[in-house]
Amino acid sequence: MSGHSKWATTKHRKAAVDQARAKIFAKLIRQLEVAAREGGSDLTANATLRTMFEKARSASVPMDTIERAIKRGTGELEGVRYEAISYEGYAPSGVAIIVETLSDNRNRTGAEIRNLFTKNGGSMAEPGAVSWQFARKGQIELDRSLDEDRIMEVALDAGAEDLSDEGDRWLLTCAPGDLSAVRDALEAADMAPRSAELAMVASQTVPVTEPSEARKVLRLLEVLDDHDDVQNVWSNFDIPDEVLAGVGD
């Protein structure tokens, strides 16, 4: 387990401890609005919106809040128009980072993201300098208690590409277009996923074994993720579990 998977685990643990519900809600609401604007309000026809809807419900976002977000996205209610912008850069130790944002002011967001990189030992990169090291994939997390053979039987038939053991959970990987089909097949087989989302998966990782360097990498990821406009932070670090346990608190 490395890179985005470990960072997802770390930041989810932090969110649970901090109970930062307002910030989580705000990010999910933006994602709902953009998904509705780009693909319409029909959950059946708009797979992206359906994924975001289920993610919002899992995070306990109230239904009326979700419905208003969707209506703002489709134009039924007045709202701010957000633009999807990605930034690329490097953390200490040469770790690659992709930052996905939804912004209503490109200039402001770009300047603030650059400042966060600079102040925390990183550097911004030109578009394309980092993204070639990543591929967009569907990822589905499942409880570790579920049977591996049963997961493989159901998920592979539905289009899954790989199943990996992440210690405390199973992680399925599939093509982006197969995410809904794989998730639906698992739910139909009474193996409801913990989460199902699109992710940027690194093709290669950068080992970070020194605790001081690991702390710097995680700090940069944390401050980027904490920015109001940032929706996702993807990285290719590989920090050993024993090092991560000591610096990721």
Protein backbone atom coordinates (compact mmCIF):
# COMPACT_ATOMS: atom_id res chain seq x y z
CA MET A 1 0.00 0.00 0.00
CA SER A 2 1.44 3.37 -0.98
CA GLY A 3 0.82 6.83 -2.34
CA HIS A 4 -2.78 7.93 -2.60
CA SER A 5 -4.04 4.86 -0.73
CA LYS A 6 -2.01 5.64 2.37
CA TRP A 7 -2.80 9.35 2.14
CA ALA A 8 -6.51 8.56 1.86
CA THR A 9 -6.28 6.43 4.99
CA THR A 10 -4.35 9.11 6.85
CA LYS A 11 -6.61 12.00 5.92
CA HIS A 12 -9.80 10.03 6.59
CA ARG A 13 -8.51 9.20 10.06
CA LYS A 14 -7.71 12.88 10.63
CA ALA A 15 -11.17 13.92 9.44
CA ALA A 16 -12.77 11.49 11.86
CA VAL A 17 -10.70 12.83 14.75
CA ASP A 18 -11.24 16.48 13.87
CA GLN A 19 -14.90 15.98 12.99
CA ALA A 20 -14.40 18.47 10.18
CA ARG A 21 -17.86 17.90 8.81
CA ALA A 22 -18.47 21.42 7.52
CA LYS A 23 -15.39 21.34 5.27
CA ILE A 24 -16.19 17.83 4.03
CA PHE A 25 -19.78 18.85 3.30
CA ALA A 26 -18.65 21.93 1.37
CA LYS A 27 -16.38 19.91 -0.88
CA LEU A 28 -19.01 17.27 -1.57
CA ILE A 29 -21.61 19.93 -2.34
CA ARG A 30 -19.33 21.49 -4.96
CA GLN A 31 -18.77 18.09 -6.54
CA LEU A 32 -22.50 17.48 -6.69
CA GLU A 33 -23.09 20.84 -8.37
CA VAL A 34 -20.44 20.27 -11.03
CA ALA A 35 -21.58 16.70 -11.71
CA ALA A 36 -25.17 17.87 -12.17
CA ARG A 37 -24.11 20.77 -14.40
CA GLU A 38 -22.06 18.51 -16.66
CA GLY A 39 -24.37 15.49 -16.86
CA GLY A 40 -27.84 16.46 -15.67
CA SER A 41 -29.82 15.61 -12.56
CA ASP A 42 -30.83 12.02 -13.43
CA LEU A 43 -28.91 9.71 -11.11
CA THR A 44 -29.51 6.75 -13.38
CA ALA A 45 -28.16 8.45 -16.50
CA ASN A 46 -25.40 10.45 -14.78
CA ALA A 47 -22.95 7.95 -13.26
CA THR A 48 -20.70 10.67 -11.88
CA LEU A 49 -23.60 12.34 -10.09
CA ARG A 50 -24.74 9.01 -8.70
CA THR A 51 -21.26 8.33 -7.31
CA MET A 52 -21.14 11.78 -5.71
CA PHE A 53 -24.69 11.37 -4.38
CA GLU A 54 -23.78 8.12 -2.65
CA LYS A 55 -20.55 9.61 -1.33
CA ALA A 56 -22.48 12.55 0.10
CA ARG A 57 -25.05 10.29 1.72
CA SER A 58 -22.28 8.15 3.22
CA ALA A 59 -20.86 11.35 4.75
CA SER A 60 -24.32 12.15 6.20
CA VAL A 61 -24.95 15.21 4.05
CA PRO A 62 -28.68 16.01 4.49
CA MET A 63 -30.94 15.16 1.56
CA ASP A 64 -32.28 18.70 1.23
CA THR A 65 -28.70 20.00 1.00
CA ILE A 66 -27.93 17.46 -1.72
CA GLU A 67 -31.08 18.34 -3.65
CA ARG A 68 -30.31 22.07 -3.54
CA ALA A 69 -26.78 21.42 -4.76
CA ILE A 70 -28.09 19.42 -7.72
CA LYS A 71 -30.59 22.14 -8.56
CA ARG A 72 -27.86 24.78 -8.47
CA GLY A 73 -25.86 22.62 -10.82
CA THR A 74 -28.69 22.30 -13.32
CA GLY A 75 -29.60 25.98 -13.05
CA GLU A 76 -32.93 25.50 -11.27
CA LEU A 77 -31.48 27.52 -8.39
CA GLU A 78 -29.03 30.39 -8.60
CA GLY A 79 -25.48 29.57 -7.57
CA VAL A 80 -21.77 30.08 -8.15
CA ARG A 81 -20.30 28.47 -11.25
CA TYR A 82 -17.26 26.35 -10.37
CA GLU A 83 -14.48 25.41 -12.77
CA ALA A 84 -12.45 22.21 -12.49
CA ILE A 85 -8.72 23.01 -12.47
CA SER A 86 -5.82 20.63 -11.79
CA TYR A 87 -2.36 21.64 -10.60
CA GLU A 88 0.82 19.57 -10.68
CA GLY A 89 3.90 19.77 -8.53
CA TYR A 90 6.46 18.11 -6.34
CA ALA A 91 6.77 17.53 -2.62
CA PRO A 92 10.12 17.08 -0.84
CA SER A 93 12.08 13.97 -1.97
CA GLY A 94 10.76 14.41 -5.51
CA VAL A 95 7.31 13.04 -4.72
CA ALA A 96 4.82 13.85 -7.49
CA ILE A 97 1.51 15.52 -6.61
CA ILE A 98 -1.69 16.25 -8.53
CA VAL A 99 -4.15 18.68 -6.93
CA GLU A 100 -7.73 18.71 -8.24
CA THR A 101 -9.77 21.81 -7.45
CA LEU A 102 -13.18 23.34 -8.09
CA SER A 103 -12.82 27.11 -8.16
CA ASP A 104 -14.89 30.21 -8.88
CA ASN A 105 -11.70 32.26 -9.34
CA ARG A 106 -8.87 30.64 -11.30
CA ASN A 107 -6.29 33.35 -10.55
CA ARG A 108 -6.91 33.32 -6.81
CA THR A 109 -6.85 29.54 -6.52
CA GLY A 110 -3.70 29.19 -8.63
CA ALA A 111 -1.83 31.76 -6.56
CA GLU A 112 -2.90 30.18 -3.27
CA ILE A 113 -1.98 26.64 -4.34
CA ARG A 114 1.43 27.82 -5.56
CA ASN A 115 1.98 29.58 -2.23
CA LEU A 116 1.16 26.40 -0.30
CA PHE A 117 3.68 24.42 -2.35
CA THR A 118 6.39 27.03 -1.86
CA LYS A 119 5.86 27.54 1.87
CA ASN A 120 5.93 23.79 2.57
CA GLY A 121 9.05 22.72 0.74
CA GLY A 122 7.46 21.83 -2.57
CA SER A 123 7.29 23.38 -6.01
CA MET A 124 4.67 23.81 -8.72
CA ALA A 125 5.27 22.17 -12.10
CA GLU A 126 4.07 22.82 -15.62
CA PRO A 127 0.93 20.98 -16.81
CA GLY A 128 1.86 17.48 -17.91
CA ALA A 129 5.11 17.33 -15.93
CA VAL A 130 3.56 15.03 -13.33
CA SER A 131 0.27 13.72 -14.73
CA TRP A 132 1.94 11.27 -17.13
CA GLN A 133 2.89 9.22 -14.08
CA PHE A 134 -0.77 8.66 -13.16
CA ALA A 135 -3.79 6.98 -14.73
CA ARG A 136 -7.45 7.59 -13.93
CA LYS A 137 -8.99 4.46 -12.42
CA GLY A 138 -12.09 3.41 -10.53
CA GLN A 139 -11.34 2.27 -7.00
CA ILE A 140 -13.64 0.39 -4.64
CA GLU A 141 -12.90 -0.30 -0.98
CA LEU A 142 -14.42 -3.36 0.69
CA ASP A 143 -14.41 -4.71 4.24
CA ARG A 144 -11.50 -7.02 4.95
CA SER A 145 -13.92 -9.58 6.40
CA LEU A 146 -15.39 -10.34 2.97
CA ASP A 147 -14.24 -13.49 1.15
CA GLU A 148 -11.52 -12.85 -1.42
CA ASP A 149 -12.65 -15.56 -3.84
CA ARG A 150 -16.25 -14.32 -3.74
CA ILE A 151 -15.14 -10.74 -4.41
CA MET A 152 -13.04 -11.89 -7.35
CA GLU A 153 -15.87 -13.97 -8.78
CA VAL A 154 -18.37 -11.11 -8.72
CA ALA A 155 -16.11 -8.16 -9.47
CA LEU A 156 -14.07 -9.64 -12.32
CA ASP A 157 -17.25 -10.65 -14.16
CA ALA A 158 -18.43 -7.04 -13.86
CA GLY A 159 -15.20 -5.55 -15.25
CA ALA A 160 -12.77 -5.20 -12.33
CA GLU A 161 -9.09 -5.38 -13.24
CA ASP A 162 -7.34 -6.09 -9.96
CA LEU A 163 -7.89 -6.86 -6.28
CA SER A 164 -5.24 -5.98 -3.69
CA ASP A 165 -4.93 -6.65 0.03
CA GLU A 166 -4.49 -3.29 1.81
CA GLY A 167 -4.19 -4.74 5.30
CA ASP A 168 -7.42 -3.49 6.83
CA ARG A 169 -9.46 -3.63 3.63
CA TRP A 170 -9.69 -4.94 0.07
CA LEU A 171 -9.08 -2.52 -2.80
CA LEU A 172 -10.58 -3.19 -6.23
CA THR A 173 -9.35 -1.36 -9.33
CA CYS A 174 -11.24 -0.99 -12.60
CA ALA A 175 -11.49 1.23 -15.67
CA PRO A 176 -13.33 4.51 -14.94
CA GLY A 177 -16.27 3.53 -17.12
CA ASP A 178 -16.74 0.23 -15.25
CA LEU A 179 -16.95 1.73 -11.76
CA SER A 180 -20.75 1.82 -11.59
CA ALA A 181 -21.14 -1.70 -12.98
CA VAL A 182 -18.65 -3.21 -10.54
CA ARG A 183 -20.17 -1.37 -7.59
CA ASP A 184 -23.70 -2.44 -8.58
CA ALA A 185 -22.63 -6.07 -8.95
CA LEU A 186 -21.06 -6.07 -5.50
CA GLU A 187 -24.14 -4.49 -3.93
CA ALA A 188 -26.37 -7.06 -5.63
CA ALA A 189 -24.20 -9.81 -4.13
CA ASP A 190 -24.59 -8.33 -0.61
CA MET A 191 -21.04 -6.98 -0.56
CA ALA A 192 -21.72 -3.26 -0.29
CA PRO A 193 -18.48 -1.24 -0.73
CA ARG A 194 -17.11 1.12 1.89
CA SER A 195 -16.45 3.59 -0.91
CA ALA A 196 -16.38 3.75 -4.70
CA GLU A 197 -14.69 6.64 -6.48
CA LEU A 198 -12.46 7.72 -9.32
CA ALA A 199 -8.80 8.06 -8.41
CA MET A 200 -5.49 8.97 -10.00
CA VAL A 201 -3.31 5.88 -9.60
CA ALA A 202 0.47 6.24 -9.87
CA SER A 203 2.34 3.97 -12.28
CA GLN A 204 5.49 4.23 -10.15
CA THR A 205 6.21 5.28 -6.58
CA VAL A 206 8.90 7.29 -4.83
CA PRO A 207 10.23 5.70 -1.62
CA VAL A 208 10.40 8.01 1.40
CA THR A 209 12.07 6.22 4.31
CA GLU A 210 13.40 9.08 6.46
CA PRO A 211 10.87 10.19 9.09
CA SER A 212 11.83 13.86 8.67
CA GLU A 213 11.22 13.73 4.93
CA ALA A 214 8.01 11.74 5.36
CA ARG A 215 6.75 14.37 7.78
CA LYS A 216 7.42 17.11 5.21
CA VAL A 217 5.59 15.20 2.46
CA LEU A 218 2.55 14.55 4.65
CA ARG A 219 2.50 18.15 5.84
CA LEU A 220 2.34 19.46 2.28
CA LEU A 221 -0.42 17.00 1.40
CA GLU A 222 -2.34 18.03 4.50
CA VAL A 223 -2.23 21.78 3.86
CA LEU A 224 -3.18 21.28 0.21
CA ASP A 225 -6.10 19.03 1.12
CA ASP A 226 -7.26 21.56 3.72
CA HIS A 227 -7.67 24.34 1.12
CA ASP A 228 -11.35 25.11 0.52
CA ASP A 229 -11.12 24.75 -3.27
CA VAL A 230 -9.20 21.46 -3.24
CA GLN A 231 -11.25 18.34 -3.88
CA ASN A 232 -8.57 15.67 -4.20
CA VAL A 233 -4.82 15.36 -3.68
CA TRP A 234 -3.06 12.45 -5.41
CA SER A 235 0.54 11.46 -4.81
CA ASN A 236 3.06 8.72 -5.58
CA PHE A 237 4.95 8.50 -2.30
CA ASP A 238 5.78 5.12 -0.75
CA ILE A 239 6.27 5.53 3.00
CA PRO A 240 6.76 2.27 4.93
CA ASP A 241 3.93 1.53 7.37
CA GLU A 242 6.19 1.76 10.40
CA VAL A 243 7.38 5.22 9.32
CA LEU A 244 3.89 6.39 8.44
CA ALA A 245 2.57 5.27 11.83
CA GLY A 246 5.08 7.52 13.55
CA VAL A 247 4.69 10.68 11.47
CA GLY A 248 1.10 10.66 10.22
CA ASP A 249 -0.65 11.48 13.47
